Amino acid sequence: MKLPFALLLGSALLLASAEPAAQRVAASLHHAPSVRVSSYSHAPRRVWVPGHHETRLEQVWVPGCSERVWVEPVFELRLGSCRTWIRVEVAPGHWRTVQHPGHYETRAVSVWIPGHHASRARCD
């Protein structure tokens, strides 16, 4: 593909006129008074964050409790030898331990966060 001569000439003139301008800027910077430029001008600065308490929500396992329950004795009526009804104890009363299941519970726990240095972005 061939470019028109006018386009090539315009590009060459534009480049030629830009080159002296760049040289002039470089020369003016060379003769300018010295300015100290810090490479850390936009670097984050470190600040001290003091220790503090922080409340966090944590899932905690709560084991189930055990409970003692009285089981009543079991009686039956039986026919005796003289054709009378007799109340007979079939199973004695006793204590039974019932274990209830555990569960998870969300609790607010206070945690101490020690003091530390942290990076903060500069807003200059």
PDB file of N, CA and C in Angstrom:
ATOM      1  N   MET A   1       0.849  -1.182   0.000  1.00  0.00           N
ATOM      2  CA  MET A   1       0.000   0.000   0.000  1.00  0.00           C
ATOM      3  C   MET A   1       0.888   1.237   0.000  1.00  0.00           C
ATOM      4  N   LYS A   2       0.642   2.147  -0.887  1.00  0.00           N
ATOM      5  CA  LYS A   2       1.433   3.366  -0.986  1.00  0.00           C
ATOM      6  C   LYS A   2       0.657   4.507  -0.344  1.00  0.00           C
ATOM      7  N   LEU A   3       1.395   5.305   0.468  1.00  0.00           N
ATOM      8  CA  LEU A   3       0.767   6.457   1.103  1.00  0.00           C
ATOM      9  C   LEU A   3       0.938   7.669   0.199  1.00  0.00           C
ATOM     10  N   PRO A   4      -0.024   8.554   0.222  1.00  0.00           N
ATOM     11  CA  PRO A   4       0.097   9.773  -0.576  1.00  0.00           C
ATOM     12  C   PRO A   4       1.289  10.607  -0.106  1.00  0.00           C
ATOM     13  N   PHE A   5       1.897  11.287  -1.035  1.00  0.00           N
ATOM     14  CA  PHE A   5       3.083  12.079  -0.745  1.00  0.00           C
ATOM     15  C   PHE A   5       2.798  13.142   0.306  1.00  0.00           C
ATOM     16  N   ALA A   6       1.632  13.753   0.277  1.00  0.00           N
ATOM     17  CA  ALA A   6       1.286  14.826   1.217  1.00  0.00           C
ATOM     18  C   ALA A   6       1.239  14.284   2.647  1.00  0.00           C
ATOM     19  N   LEU A   7       0.736  13.061   2.818  1.00  0.00           N
ATOM     20  CA  LEU A   7       0.659  12.463   4.149  1.00  0.00           C
ATOM     21  C   LEU A   7       2.062  12.163   4.670  1.00  0.00           C
ATOM     22  N   LEU A   8       2.932  11.651   3.798  1.00  0.00           N
ATOM     23  CA  LEU A   8       4.308  11.379   4.201  1.00  0.00           C
ATOM     24  C   LEU A   8       5.040  12.667   4.549  1.00  0.00           C
ATOM     25  N   LEU A   9       4.846  13.697   3.784  1.00  0.00           N
ATOM     26  CA  LEU A   9       5.510  14.975   4.034  1.00  0.00           C
ATOM     27  C   LEU A   9       5.020  15.582   5.340  1.00  0.00           C
ATOM     28  N   GLY A  10       3.706  15.502   5.601  1.00  0.00           N
ATOM     29  CA  GLY A  10       3.132  16.045   6.843  1.00  0.00           C
ATOM     30  C   GLY A  10       3.675  15.313   8.058  1.00  0.00           C
ATOM     31  N   SER A  11       3.811  13.987   7.982  1.00  0.00           N
ATOM     32  CA  SER A  11       4.350  13.207   9.096  1.00  0.00           C
ATOM     33  C   SER A  11       5.791  13.586   9.358  1.00  0.00           C
ATOM     34  N   ALA A  12       6.579  13.751   8.292  1.00  0.00           N
ATOM     35  CA  ALA A  12       7.993  14.096   8.444  1.00  0.00           C
ATOM     36  C   ALA A  12       8.134  15.479   9.064  1.00  0.00           C
ATOM     37  N   LEU A  13       7.297  16.445   8.658  1.00  0.00           N
ATOM     38  CA  LEU A  13       7.367  17.787   9.222  1.00  0.00           C
ATOM     39  C   LEU A  13       6.958  17.800  10.688  1.00  0.00           C
ATOM     40  N   LEU A  14       5.966  16.999  11.034  1.00  0.00           N
ATOM     41  CA  LEU A  14       5.497  16.910  12.421  1.00  0.00           C
ATOM     42  C   LEU A  14       6.596  16.342  13.313  1.00  0.00           C
ATOM     43  N   LEU A  15       7.268  15.316  12.838  1.00  0.00           N
ATOM     44  CA  LEU A  15       8.361  14.734  13.607  1.00  0.00           C
ATOM     45  C   LEU A  15       9.512  15.709  13.738  1.00  0.00           C
ATOM     46  N   ALA A  16       9.806  16.414  12.694  1.00  0.00           N
ATOM     47  CA  ALA A  16      10.921  17.366  12.710  1.00  0.00           C
ATOM     48  C   ALA A  16      10.628  18.513  13.665  1.00  0.00           C
ATOM     49  N   SER A  17       9.385  18.983  13.710  1.00  0.00           N
ATOM     50  CA  SER A  17       9.058  20.104  14.597  1.00  0.00           C
ATOM     51  C   SER A  17       8.983  19.645  16.047  1.00  0.00           C
ATOM     52  N   ALA A  18       8.658  18.387  16.307  1.00  0.00           N
ATOM     53  CA  ALA A  18       8.569  17.891  17.678  1.00  0.00           C
ATOM     54  C   ALA A  18       9.947  17.659  18.271  1.00  0.00           C
ATOM     55  N   GLU A  19      10.922  17.320  17.450  1.00  0.00           N
ATOM     56  CA  GLU A  19      12.247  16.993  17.957  1.00  0.00           C
ATOM     57  C   GLU A  19      12.927  18.196  18.601  1.00  0.00           C
ATOM     58  N   PRO A  20      12.951  19.373  17.999  1.00  0.00           N
ATOM     59  CA  PRO A  20      13.583  20.524  18.661  1.00  0.00           C
ATOM     60  C   PRO A  20      12.859  20.901  19.951  1.00  0.00           C
ATOM     61  N   ALA A  21      11.545  20.719  20.016  1.00  0.00           N
ATOM     62  CA  ALA A  21      10.799  21.056  21.229  1.00  0.00           C
ATOM     63  C   ALA A  21      11.245  20.152  22.369  1.00  0.00           C
ATOM     64  N   ALA A  22      11.434  18.882  22.095  1.00  0.00           N
ATOM     65  CA  ALA A  22      11.886  17.944  23.124  1.00  0.00           C
ATOM     66  C   ALA A  22      13.288  18.305  23.575  1.00  0.00           C
ATOM     67  N   GLN A  23      14.132  18.741  22.615  1.00  0.00           N
ATOM     68  CA  GLN A  23      15.493  19.130  22.978  1.00  0.00           C
ATOM     69  C   GLN A  23      15.473  20.390  23.844  1.00  0.00           C
ATOM     70  N   ARG A  24      14.556  21.308  23.549  1.00  0.00           N
ATOM     71  CA  ARG A  24      14.463  22.535  24.344  1.00  0.00           C
ATOM     72  C   ARG A  24      14.014  22.226  25.767  1.00  0.00           C
ATOM     73  N   VAL A  25      13.059  21.303  25.937  1.00  0.00           N
ATOM     74  CA  VAL A  25      12.598  20.929  27.282  1.00  0.00           C
ATOM     75  C   VAL A  25      13.734  20.283  28.051  1.00  0.00           C
ATOM     76  N   ALA A  26      14.475  19.384  27.409  1.00  0.00           N
ATOM     77  CA  ALA A  26      15.601  18.730  28.068  1.00  0.00           C
ATOM     78  C   ALA A  26      16.654  19.750  28.458  1.00  0.00           C
ATOM     79  N   ALA A  27      16.918  20.726  27.591  1.00  0.00           N
ATOM     80  CA  ALA A  27      17.923  21.746  27.890  1.00  0.00           C
ATOM     81  C   ALA A  27      17.472  22.620  29.043  1.00  0.00           C
ATOM     82  N   SER A  28      16.187  22.983  29.089  1.00  0.00           N
ATOM     83  CA  SER A  28      15.703  23.831  30.174  1.00  0.00           C
ATOM     84  C   SER A  28      15.742  23.075  31.501  1.00  0.00           C
ATOM     85  N   LEU A  29      15.505  21.777  31.470  1.00  0.00           N
ATOM     86  CA  LEU A  29      15.607  20.994  32.691  1.00  0.00           C
ATOM     87  C   LEU A  29      17.054  20.897  33.149  1.00  0.00           C
ATOM     88  N   HIS A  30      17.969  20.863  32.175  1.00  0.00           N
ATOM     89  CA  HIS A  30      19.380  20.742  32.509  1.00  0.00           C
ATOM     90  C   HIS A  30      19.875  22.007  33.215  1.00  0.00           C
ATOM     91  N   HIS A  31      19.363  23.182  32.820  1.00  0.00           N
ATOM     92  CA  HIS A  31      19.808  24.442  33.393  1.00  0.00           C
ATOM     93  C   HIS A  31      18.904  24.921  34.522  1.00  0.00           C
ATOM     94  N   ALA A  32      17.878  24.183  34.840  1.00  0.00           N
ATOM     95  CA  ALA A  32      16.959  24.592  35.902  1.00  0.00           C
ATOM     96  C   ALA A  32      17.629  24.409  37.261  1.00  0.00           C
ATOM     97  N   PRO A  33      17.202  25.179  38.287  1.00  0.00           N
ATOM     98  CA  PRO A  33      17.775  24.975  39.620  1.00  0.00           C
ATOM     99  C   PRO A  33      17.451  23.561  40.096  1.00  0.00           C
ATOM    100  N   SER A  34      18.384  23.032  40.887  1.00  0.00           N
ATOM    101  CA  SER A  34      18.201  21.632  41.292  1.00  0.00           C
ATOM    102  C   SER A  34      17.003  21.506  42.217  1.00  0.00           C
ATOM    103  N   VAL A  35      16.165  20.561  41.917  1.00  0.00           N
ATOM    104  CA  VAL A  35      14.975  20.267  42.705  1.00  0.00           C
ATOM    105  C   VAL A  35      15.110  18.836  43.187  1.00  0.00           C
ATOM    106  N   ARG A  36      14.954  18.664  44.470  1.00  0.00           N
ATOM    107  CA  ARG A  36      15.063  17.312  45.009  1.00  0.00           C
ATOM    108  C   ARG A  36      13.721  16.603  44.849  1.00  0.00           C
ATOM    109  N   VAL A  37      13.747  15.507  44.138  1.00  0.00           N
ATOM    110  CA  VAL A  37      12.541  14.726  43.906  1.00  0.00           C
ATOM    111  C   VAL A  37      12.701  13.416  44.659  1.00  0.00           C
ATOM    112  N   SER A  38      11.779  13.150  45.538  1.00  0.00           N
ATOM    113  CA  SER A  38      11.851  11.924  46.330  1.00  0.00           C
ATOM    114  C   SER A  38      11.137  10.810  45.593  1.00  0.00           C
ATOM    115  N   SER A  39      11.765   9.671  45.551  1.00  0.00           N
ATOM    116  CA  SER A  39      11.110   8.528  44.897  1.00  0.00           C
ATOM    117  C   SER A  39      10.036   7.937  45.787  1.00  0.00           C
ATOM    118  N   TYR A  40       9.951   8.415  47.047  1.00  0.00           N
ATOM    119  CA  TYR A  40       8.959   7.890  47.985  1.00  0.00           C
ATOM    120  C   TYR A  40       7.751   8.798  48.125  1.00  0.00           C
ATOM    121  N   SER A  41       7.557   9.711  47.184  1.00  0.00           N
ATOM    122  CA  SER A  41       6.481  10.683  47.338  1.00  0.00           C
ATOM    123  C   SER A  41       5.103  10.037  47.360  1.00  0.00           C
ATOM    124  N   HIS A  42       4.927   8.921  46.706  1.00  0.00           N
ATOM    125  CA  HIS A  42       3.615   8.278  46.693  1.00  0.00           C
ATOM    126  C   HIS A  42       3.645   6.921  47.387  1.00  0.00           C
ATOM    127  N   ALA A  43       4.736   6.640  48.066  1.00  0.00           N
ATOM    128  CA  ALA A  43       4.833   5.369  48.776  1.00  0.00           C
ATOM    129  C   ALA A  43       3.960   5.440  50.030  1.00  0.00           C
ATOM    130  N   PRO A  44       3.411   4.318  50.459  1.00  0.00           N
ATOM    131  CA  PRO A  44       2.588   4.348  51.668  1.00  0.00           C
ATOM    132  C   PRO A  44       3.460   4.630  52.884  1.00  0.00           C
ATOM    133  N   ARG A  45       2.912   5.344  53.839  1.00  0.00           N
ATOM    134  CA  ARG A  45       3.667   5.609  55.053  1.00  0.00           C
ATOM    135  C   ARG A  45       3.198   4.656  56.142  1.00  0.00           C
ATOM    136  N   ARG A  46       4.060   4.418  57.108  1.00  0.00           N
ATOM    137  CA  ARG A  46       3.747   3.486  58.179  1.00  0.00           C
ATOM    138  C   ARG A  46       3.302   4.289  59.388  1.00  0.00           C
ATOM    139  N   VAL A  47       2.188   3.906  59.955  1.00  0.00           N
ATOM    140  CA  VAL A  47       1.666   4.561  61.153  1.00  0.00           C
ATOM    141  C   VAL A  47       1.494   3.526  62.253  1.00  0.00           C
ATOM    142  N   TRP A  48       1.546   3.951  63.494  1.00  0.00           N
ATOM    143  CA  TRP A  48       1.371   3.064  64.641  1.00  0.00           C
ATOM    144  C   TRP A  48      -0.109   2.988  65.002  1.00  0.00           C
ATOM    145  N   VAL A  49      -0.636   1.784  65.048  1.00  0.00           N
ATOM    146  CA  VAL A  49      -2.014   1.549  65.466  1.00  0.00           C
ATOM    147  C   VAL A  49      -1.932   0.990  66.882  1.00  0.00           C
ATOM    148  N   PRO A  50      -2.461   1.703  67.890  1.00  0.00           N
ATOM    149  CA  PRO A  50      -2.347   1.220  69.267  1.00  0.00           C
ATOM    150  C   PRO A  50      -3.186  -0.039  69.486  1.00  0.00           C
ATOM    151  N   GLY A  51      -2.818  -0.803  70.515  1.00  0.00           N
ATOM    152  CA  GLY A  51      -3.565  -2.013  70.850  1.00  0.00           C
ATOM    153  C   GLY A  51      -4.990  -1.677  71.269  1.00  0.00           C
ATOM    154  N   HIS A  52      -5.896  -2.584  71.020  1.00  0.00           N
ATOM    155  CA  HIS A  52      -7.306  -2.341  71.343  1.00  0.00           C
ATOM    156  C   HIS A  52      -8.062  -3.664  71.458  1.00  0.00           C
ATOM    157  N   HIS A  53      -9.208  -3.596  72.086  1.00  0.00           N
ATOM    158  CA  HIS A  53     -10.093  -4.763  72.144  1.00  0.00           C
ATOM    159  C   HIS A  53     -11.002  -4.731  70.930  1.00  0.00           C
ATOM    160  N   GLU A  54     -11.292  -5.902  70.409  1.00  0.00           N
ATOM    161  CA  GLU A  54     -12.163  -6.015  69.246  1.00  0.00           C
ATOM    162  C   GLU A  54     -13.179  -7.116  69.532  1.00  0.00           C
ATOM    163  N   THR A  55     -14.432  -6.879  69.238  1.00  0.00           N
ATOM    164  CA  THR A  55     -15.471  -7.883  69.456  1.00  0.00           C
ATOM    165  C   THR A  55     -15.693  -8.643  68.168  1.00  0.00           C
ATOM    166  N   ARG A  56     -15.587  -9.968  68.279  1.00  0.00           N
ATOM    167  CA  ARG A  56     -15.787 -10.836  67.109  1.00  0.00           C
ATOM    168  C   ARG A  56     -16.885 -11.836  67.408  1.00  0.00           C
ATOM    169  N   LEU A  57     -17.605 -12.235  66.379  1.00  0.00           N
ATOM    170  CA  LEU A  57     -18.620 -13.269  66.518  1.00  0.00           C
ATOM    171  C   LEU A  57     -18.004 -14.606  66.141  1.00  0.00           C
ATOM    172  N   GLU A  58     -18.118 -15.594  67.038  1.00  0.00           N
ATOM    173  CA  GLU A  58     -17.532 -16.903  66.785  1.00  0.00           C
ATOM    174  C   GLU A  58     -18.585 -17.981  67.007  1.00  0.00           C
ATOM    175  N   GLN A  59     -18.472 -19.052  66.217  1.00  0.00           N
ATOM    176  CA  GLN A  59     -19.313 -20.223  66.410  1.00  0.00           C
ATOM    177  C   GLN A  59     -18.653 -21.083  67.478  1.00  0.00           C
ATOM    178  N   VAL A  60     -19.363 -21.381  68.556  1.00  0.00           N
ATOM    179  CA  VAL A  60     -18.818 -22.140  69.674  1.00  0.00           C
ATOM    180  C   VAL A  60     -19.675 -23.387  69.873  1.00  0.00           C
ATOM    181  N   TRP A  61     -19.023 -24.538  70.077  1.00  0.00           N
ATOM    182  CA  TRP A  61     -19.745 -25.786  70.358  1.00  0.00           C
ATOM    183  C   TRP A  61     -20.112 -25.818  71.838  1.00  0.00           C
ATOM    184  N   VAL A  62     -21.390 -25.969  72.113  1.00  0.00           N
ATOM    185  CA  VAL A  62     -21.875 -26.071  73.487  1.00  0.00           C
ATOM    186  C   VAL A  62     -22.304 -27.515  73.697  1.00  0.00           C
ATOM    187  N   PRO A  63     -21.600 -28.271  74.559  1.00  0.00           N
ATOM    188  CA  PRO A  63     -21.987 -29.665  74.774  1.00  0.00           C
ATOM    189  C   PRO A  63     -23.336 -29.740  75.476  1.00  0.00           C
ATOM    190  N   GLY A  64     -24.075 -30.788  75.170  1.00  0.00           N
ATOM    191  CA  GLY A  64     -25.383 -30.972  75.801  1.00  0.00           C
ATOM    192  C   GLY A  64     -25.227 -31.315  77.277  1.00  0.00           C
ATOM    193  N   CYS A  65     -26.241 -30.972  78.036  1.00  0.00           N
ATOM    194  CA  CYS A  65     -26.178 -31.257  79.470  1.00  0.00           C
ATOM    195  C   CYS A  65     -26.783 -32.638  79.748  1.00  0.00           C
ATOM    196  N   SER A  66     -26.426 -33.173  80.905  1.00  0.00           N
ATOM    197  CA  SER A  66     -27.017 -34.445  81.321  1.00  0.00           C
ATOM    198  C   SER A  66     -27.999 -34.154  82.448  1.00  0.00           C
ATOM    199  N   GLU A  67     -29.043 -34.943  82.490  1.00  0.00           N
ATOM    200  CA  GLU A  67     -30.113 -34.713  83.459  1.00  0.00           C
ATOM    201  C   GLU A  67     -30.510 -36.044  84.078  1.00  0.00           C
ATOM    202  N   ARG A  68     -30.696 -36.035  85.388  1.00  0.00           N
ATOM    203  CA  ARG A  68     -31.149 -37.253  86.069  1.00  0.00           C
ATOM    204  C   ARG A  68     -32.666 -37.233  86.136  1.00  0.00           C
ATOM    205  N   VAL A  69     -33.266 -38.313  85.697  1.00  0.00           N
ATOM    206  CA  VAL A  69     -34.729 -38.422  85.649  1.00  0.00           C
ATOM    207  C   VAL A  69     -35.153 -39.642  86.468  1.00  0.00           C
ATOM    208  N   TRP A  70     -36.172 -39.480  87.322  1.00  0.00           N
ATOM    209  CA  TRP A  70     -36.698 -40.582  88.115  1.00  0.00           C
ATOM    210  C   TRP A  70     -37.693 -41.385  87.274  1.00  0.00           C
ATOM    211  N   VAL A  71     -37.468 -42.702  87.222  1.00  0.00           N
ATOM    212  CA  VAL A  71     -38.376 -43.604  86.511  1.00  0.00           C
ATOM    213  C   VAL A  71     -39.209 -44.316  87.585  1.00  0.00           C
ATOM    214  N   GLU A  72     -40.530 -44.156  87.486  1.00  0.00           N
ATOM    215  CA  GLU A  72     -41.452 -44.734  88.485  1.00  0.00           C
ATOM    216  C   GLU A  72     -41.403 -46.257  88.429  1.00  0.00           C
ATOM    217  N   PRO A  73     -41.638 -46.925  89.572  1.00  0.00           N
ATOM    218  CA  PRO A  73     -41.691 -48.387  89.560  1.00  0.00           C
ATOM    219  C   PRO A  73     -42.925 -48.870  88.781  1.00  0.00           C
ATOM    220  N   VAL A  74     -42.832 -50.083  88.255  1.00  0.00           N
ATOM    221  CA  VAL A  74     -43.929 -50.652  87.464  1.00  0.00           C
ATOM    222  C   VAL A  74     -44.622 -51.713  88.320  1.00  0.00           C
ATOM    223  N   PHE A  75     -45.967 -51.624  88.450  1.00  0.00           N
ATOM    224  CA  PHE A  75     -46.765 -52.588  89.217  1.00  0.00           C
ATOM    225  C   PHE A  75     -47.760 -53.270  88.300  1.00  0.00           C
ATOM    226  N   GLU A  76     -48.099 -54.488  88.631  1.00  0.00           N
ATOM    227  CA  GLU A  76     -49.151 -55.225  87.917  1.00  0.00           C
ATOM    228  C   GLU A  76     -50.096 -55.847  88.944  1.00  0.00           C
ATOM    229  N   LEU A  77     -51.344 -56.036  88.519  1.00  0.00           N
ATOM    230  CA  LEU A  77     -52.304 -56.754  89.367  1.00  0.00           C
ATOM    231  C   LEU A  77     -52.322 -58.213  88.921  1.00  0.00           C
ATOM    232  N   ARG A  78     -52.141 -59.120  89.894  1.00  0.00           N
ATOM    233  CA  ARG A  78     -52.150 -60.548  89.580  1.00  0.00           C
ATOM    234  C   ARG A  78     -53.151 -61.237  90.492  1.00  0.00           C
ATOM    235  N   LEU A  79     -53.664 -62.300  89.997  1.00  0.00           N
ATOM    236  CA  LEU A  79     -54.665 -63.066  90.752  1.00  0.00           C
ATOM    237  C   LEU A  79     -53.949 -63.970  91.738  1.00  0.00           C
ATOM    238  N   GLY A  80     -54.274 -63.813  93.008  1.00  0.00           N
ATOM    239  CA  GLY A  80     -53.620 -64.584  94.048  1.00  0.00           C
ATOM    240  C   GLY A  80     -54.232 -65.965  94.230  1.00  0.00           C
ATOM    241  N   SER A  81     -53.713 -66.677  95.231  1.00  0.00           N
ATOM    242  CA  SER A  81     -54.165 -68.055  95.464  1.00  0.00           C
ATOM    243  C   SER A  81     -55.588 -68.118  95.998  1.00  0.00           C
ATOM    244  N   CYS A  82     -56.047 -67.141  96.704  1.00  0.00           N
ATOM    245  CA  CYS A  82     -57.398 -67.137  97.256  1.00  0.00           C
ATOM    246  C   CYS A  82     -58.356 -66.354  96.364  1.00  0.00           C
ATOM    247  N   ARG A  83     -58.067 -66.276  95.136  1.00  0.00           N
ATOM    248  CA  ARG A  83     -58.874 -65.548  94.147  1.00  0.00           C
ATOM    249  C   ARG A  83     -59.021 -64.066  94.514  1.00  0.00           C
ATOM    250  N   THR A  84     -57.933 -63.488  95.007  1.00  0.00           N
ATOM    251  CA  THR A  84     -57.902 -62.052  95.286  1.00  0.00           C
ATOM    252  C   THR A  84     -56.831 -61.417  94.398  1.00  0.00           C
ATOM    253  N   TRP A  85     -57.007 -60.193  94.092  1.00  0.00           N
ATOM    254  CA  TRP A  85     -56.057 -59.461  93.263  1.00  0.00           C
ATOM    255  C   TRP A  85     -54.952 -58.897  94.144  1.00  0.00           C
ATOM    256  N   ILE A  86     -53.738 -59.148  93.704  1.00  0.00           N
ATOM    257  CA  ILE A  86     -52.586 -58.684  94.454  1.00  0.00           C
ATOM    258  C   ILE A  86     -51.775 -57.731  93.552  1.00  0.00           C
ATOM    259  N   ARG A  87     -51.345 -56.626  94.153  1.00  0.00           N
ATOM    260  CA  ARG A  87     -50.511 -55.665  93.407  1.00  0.00           C
ATOM    261  C   ARG A  87     -49.059 -56.083  93.594  1.00  0.00           C
ATOM    262  N   VAL A  88     -48.382 -56.369  92.452  1.00  0.00           N
ATOM    263  CA  VAL A  88     -47.013 -56.876  92.495  1.00  0.00           C
ATOM    264  C   VAL A  88     -46.100 -55.881  91.774  1.00  0.00           C
ATOM    265  N   GLU A  89     -44.931 -55.592  92.388  1.00  0.00           N
ATOM    266  CA  GLU A  89     -43.947 -54.711  91.749  1.00  0.00           C
ATOM    267  C   GLU A  89     -43.146 -55.526  90.741  1.00  0.00           C
ATOM    268  N   VAL A  90     -43.257 -55.136  89.446  1.00  0.00           N
ATOM    269  CA  VAL A  90     -42.577 -55.856  88.372  1.00  0.00           C
ATOM    270  C   VAL A  90     -41.179 -55.277  88.141  1.00  0.00           C
ATOM    271  N   ALA A  91     -41.045 -53.958  88.170  1.00  0.00           N
ATOM    272  CA  ALA A  91     -39.747 -53.289  87.965  1.00  0.00           C
ATOM    273  C   ALA A  91     -39.621 -52.196  89.023  1.00  0.00           C
ATOM    274  N   PRO A  92     -38.498 -52.150  89.734  1.00  0.00           N
ATOM    275  CA  PRO A  92     -38.338 -51.137  90.773  1.00  0.00           C
ATOM    276  C   PRO A  92     -38.107 -49.745  90.159  1.00  0.00           C
ATOM    277  N   GLY A  93     -38.407 -48.716  90.932  1.00  0.00           N
ATOM    278  CA  GLY A  93     -38.110 -47.347  90.489  1.00  0.00           C
ATOM    279  C   GLY A  93     -36.606 -47.111  90.514  1.00  0.00           C
ATOM    280  N   HIS A  94     -36.135 -46.238  89.642  1.00  0.00           N
ATOM    281  CA  HIS A  94     -34.699 -45.980  89.571  1.00  0.00           C
ATOM    282  C   HIS A  94     -34.439 -44.633  88.894  1.00  0.00           C
ATOM    283  N   TRP A  95     -33.213 -44.141  89.088  1.00  0.00           N
ATOM    284  CA  TRP A  95     -32.785 -42.912  88.425  1.00  0.00           C
ATOM    285  C   TRP A  95     -32.134 -43.261  87.090  1.00  0.00           C
ATOM    286  N   ARG A  96     -32.441 -42.476  86.085  1.00  0.00           N
ATOM    287  CA  ARG A  96     -31.858 -42.677  84.758  1.00  0.00           C
ATOM    288  C   ARG A  96     -31.207 -41.354  84.325  1.00  0.00           C
ATOM    289  N   THR A  97     -30.045 -41.438  83.701  1.00  0.00           N
ATOM    290  CA  THR A  97     -29.356 -40.233  83.214  1.00  0.00           C
ATOM    291  C   THR A  97     -29.660 -40.058  81.734  1.00  0.00           C
ATOM    292  N   VAL A  98     -30.183 -38.875  81.388  1.00  0.00           N
ATOM    293  CA  VAL A  98     -30.524 -38.550  80.000  1.00  0.00           C
ATOM    294  C   VAL A  98     -29.511 -37.522  79.501  1.00  0.00           C
ATOM    295  N   GLN A  99     -28.831 -37.819  78.392  1.00  0.00           N
ATOM    296  CA  GLN A  99     -27.846 -36.901  77.805  1.00  0.00           C
ATOM    297  C   GLN A  99     -28.511 -36.147  76.662  1.00  0.00           C
ATOM    298  N   HIS A 100     -28.604 -34.823  76.789  1.00  0.00           N
ATOM    299  CA  HIS A 100     -29.199 -33.989  75.734  1.00  0.00           C
ATOM    300  C   HIS A 100     -28.118 -33.670  74.693  1.00  0.00           C
ATOM    301  N   PRO A 101     -28.507 -33.527  73.425  1.00  0.00           N
ATOM    302  CA  PRO A 101     -27.503 -33.275  72.375  1.00  0.00           C
ATOM    303  C   PRO A 101     -26.903 -31.866  72.496  1.00  0.00           C
ATOM    304  N   GLY A 102     -25.661 -31.724  72.013  1.00  0.00           N
ATOM    305  CA  GLY A 102     -24.999 -30.421  71.988  1.00  0.00           C
ATOM    306  C   GLY A 102     -25.425 -29.634  70.757  1.00  0.00           C
ATOM    307  N   HIS A 103     -24.966 -28.384  70.697  1.00  0.00           N
ATOM    308  CA  HIS A 103     -25.325 -27.522  69.562  1.00  0.00           C
ATOM    309  C   HIS A 103     -24.282 -26.415  69.417  1.00  0.00           C
ATOM    310  N   TYR A 104     -24.275 -25.800  68.234  1.00  0.00           N
ATOM    311  CA  TYR A 104     -23.411 -24.644  68.003  1.00  0.00           C
ATOM    312  C   TYR A 104     -24.175 -23.383  68.377  1.00  0.00           C
ATOM    313  N   GLU A 105     -23.419 -22.404  68.872  1.00  0.00           N
ATOM    314  CA  GLU A 105     -24.022 -21.159  69.303  1.00  0.00           C
ATOM    315  C   GLU A 105     -23.103 -20.021  68.873  1.00  0.00           C
ATOM    316  N   THR A 106     -23.672 -18.902  68.412  1.00  0.00           N
ATOM    317  CA  THR A 106     -22.879 -17.739  68.039  1.00  0.00           C
ATOM    318  C   THR A 106     -22.727 -16.864  69.269  1.00  0.00           C
ATOM    319  N   ARG A 107     -21.451 -16.583  69.618  1.00  0.00           N
ATOM    320  CA  ARG A 107     -21.182 -15.768  70.796  1.00  0.00           C
ATOM    321  C   ARG A 107     -20.266 -14.613  70.412  1.00  0.00           C
ATOM    322  N   ALA A 108     -20.465 -13.481  71.088  1.00  0.00           N
ATOM    323  CA  ALA A 108     -19.582 -12.324  70.919  1.00  0.00           C
ATOM    324  C   ALA A 108     -18.410 -12.512  71.868  1.00  0.00           C
ATOM    325  N   VAL A 109     -17.202 -12.530  71.298  1.00  0.00           N
ATOM    326  CA  VAL A 109     -15.989 -12.754  72.079  1.00  0.00           C
ATOM    327  C   VAL A 109     -15.105 -11.524  71.949  1.00  0.00           C
ATOM    328  N   SER A 110     -14.615 -11.005  73.073  1.00  0.00           N
ATOM    329  CA  SER A 110     -13.709  -9.863  73.056  1.00  0.00           C
ATOM    330  C   SER A 110     -12.276 -10.376  72.913  1.00  0.00           C
ATOM    331  N   VAL A 111     -11.567  -9.849  71.907  1.00  0.00           N
ATOM    332  CA  VAL A 111     -10.200 -10.287  71.605  1.00  0.00           C
ATOM    333  C   VAL A 111      -9.284  -9.074  71.682  1.00  0.00           C
ATOM    334  N   TRP A 112      -8.109  -9.221  72.314  1.00  0.00           N
ATOM    335  CA  TRP A 112      -7.124  -8.142  72.381  1.00  0.00           C
ATOM    336  C   TRP A 112      -6.258  -8.176  71.135  1.00  0.00           C
ATOM    337  N   ILE A 113      -6.212  -7.068  70.413  1.00  0.00           N
ATOM    338  CA  ILE A 113      -5.371  -6.915  69.238  1.00  0.00           C
ATOM    339  C   ILE A 113      -4.182  -6.053  69.663  1.00  0.00           C
ATOM    340  N   PRO A 114      -2.952  -6.603  69.681  1.00  0.00           N
ATOM    341  CA  PRO A 114      -1.799  -5.810  70.121  1.00  0.00           C
ATOM    342  C   PRO A 114      -1.490  -4.689  69.134  1.00  0.00           C
ATOM    343  N   GLY A 115      -0.789  -3.664  69.622  1.00  0.00           N
ATOM    344  CA  GLY A 115      -0.404  -2.542  68.769  1.00  0.00           C
ATOM    345  C   GLY A 115       0.540  -3.010  67.661  1.00  0.00           C
ATOM    346  N   HIS A 116       0.456  -2.336  66.510  1.00  0.00           N
ATOM    347  CA  HIS A 116       1.280  -2.739  65.372  1.00  0.00           C
ATOM    348  C   HIS A 116       1.414  -1.573  64.394  1.00  0.00           C
ATOM    349  N   HIS A 117       2.404  -1.696  63.511  1.00  0.00           N
ATOM    350  CA  HIS A 117       2.560  -0.712  62.436  1.00  0.00           C
ATOM    351  C   HIS A 117       1.709  -1.148  61.254  1.00  0.00           C
ATOM    352  N   ALA A 118       1.095  -0.186  60.593  1.00  0.00           N
ATOM    353  CA  ALA A 118       0.285  -0.484  59.412  1.00  0.00           C
ATOM    354  C   ALA A 118       0.614   0.518  58.323  1.00  0.00           C
ATOM    355  N   SER A 119       0.458   0.121  57.080  1.00  0.00           N
ATOM    356  CA  SER A 119       0.694   1.007  55.938  1.00  0.00           C
ATOM    357  C   SER A 119      -0.572   1.786  55.644  1.00  0.00           C
ATOM    358  N   ARG A 120      -0.417   3.073  55.483  1.00  0.00           N
ATOM    359  CA  ARG A 120      -1.541   3.938  55.138  1.00  0.00           C
ATOM    360  C   ARG A 120      -1.186   4.660  53.845  1.00  0.00           C
ATOM    361  N   ALA A 121      -2.117   4.770  52.932  1.00  0.00           N
ATOM    362  CA  ALA A 121      -1.868   5.481  51.678  1.00  0.00           C
ATOM    363  C   ALA A 121      -1.841   6.983  51.980  1.00  0.00           C
ATOM    364  N   ARG A 122      -0.955   7.665  51.309  1.00  0.00           N
ATOM    365  CA  ARG A 122      -0.855   9.116  51.505  1.00  0.00           C
ATOM    366  C   ARG A 122      -1.878   9.807  50.629  1.00  0.00           C
ATOM    367  N   CYS A 123      -2.456  10.847  51.153  1.00  0.00           N
ATOM    368  CA  CYS A 123      -3.479  11.614  50.422  1.00  0.00           C
ATOM    369  C   CYS A 123      -2.950  13.015  50.137  1.00  0.00           C
ATOM    370  N   ASP A 124      -1.680  13.167  49.803  1.00  0.00           N
ATOM    371  CA  ASP A 124      -1.092  14.495  49.574  1.00  0.00           C
ATOM    372  C   ASP A 124      -1.513  15.030  48.231  1.00  0.00           C
TER     373      ASP A 124
END
